[in-house]
Amino acid sequence: MLYSYADKAVRLLYAAEDKLNRMQTLQSGGLMIGASDTLCQFFLLPYLKRFHYEYPEVQLQVTNRTTPETIELLKIGKVDIALVNLPVDNDALYVRECLQVHDVFVAPERFGHLRGQKVPLEVLSREPLVLLEQASNSRKYLDAFAAQQGLTLHPAIELGAHSLLVQFARIGLGIACVTSEFAKDALASGDLFEIELEPAMPPRAIGLISLDGVPLSAAAMRFIQIVLEDDEL
């Protein structure tokens, strides 16, 4: 009787050891990533494609939320790592900067009178603005920049997706504040032109974050390595 129980226990230990080994060698397991719709579309997809190609047995789960919501998901263990708009001020997080980005204002020809000149933010604030919702880190960064100049922005339209900013500006509904690196196609097409802001907004960054002091899974560490290696290249 003792042997039968011991045999089962040993078999369970061997099975657990094998499963752990497969997870460590990325032959199984999972990876939960948090990111906004914008960062998924314009930054994350190529890395997801490469990771899945190299480690098809690792199950990927991507949860789309704003940066503040994504940070909360990370804290409660709903995601392993997160891609967010920096800066984030939280001592519980370990931040790895991935990409520097620039926020710019773009406009259709309806606002052609602003083309080819340096425009103060105070002047732009009197035009119809199309901005991201206040919950987003990108909007908070813009609002902080405006506050430094003694301004409070009152947009005509607030949206939840970066891609919609471009579309709303294209049809003449206002001047949109977009991430330059994520709006290249619209600017290259000539549908929109970039307004030269004076002073320009300082660049900010996109970052991969995890909980500080909490060990990462092999899958999470490998994914981070893929992103940072590509950025260095």
Foldseek 3Di string as FASTA:
>chain_A
DVVVVVVVVVVVVVVVVVVLVCQLVLQAEEFEEEEAPLCVVQPVVVLVVVLCVVRVRYHYHYHHDAQVVRVVCQVVVVGAKYKHWDDDDDPQKDKDFQFKWFKFKKAFCVVVVQPPDADEVVVQLVWAEEEEDPVHPVNVLVQVVQVVVVDGHDHPHYHHDQVVQLVCRLVPVTIYIHTCSSCVVSCVVRSMHTGNYVVGRDITTMIMMHGPPDDGGSSVVVSVVSSRVVSVD
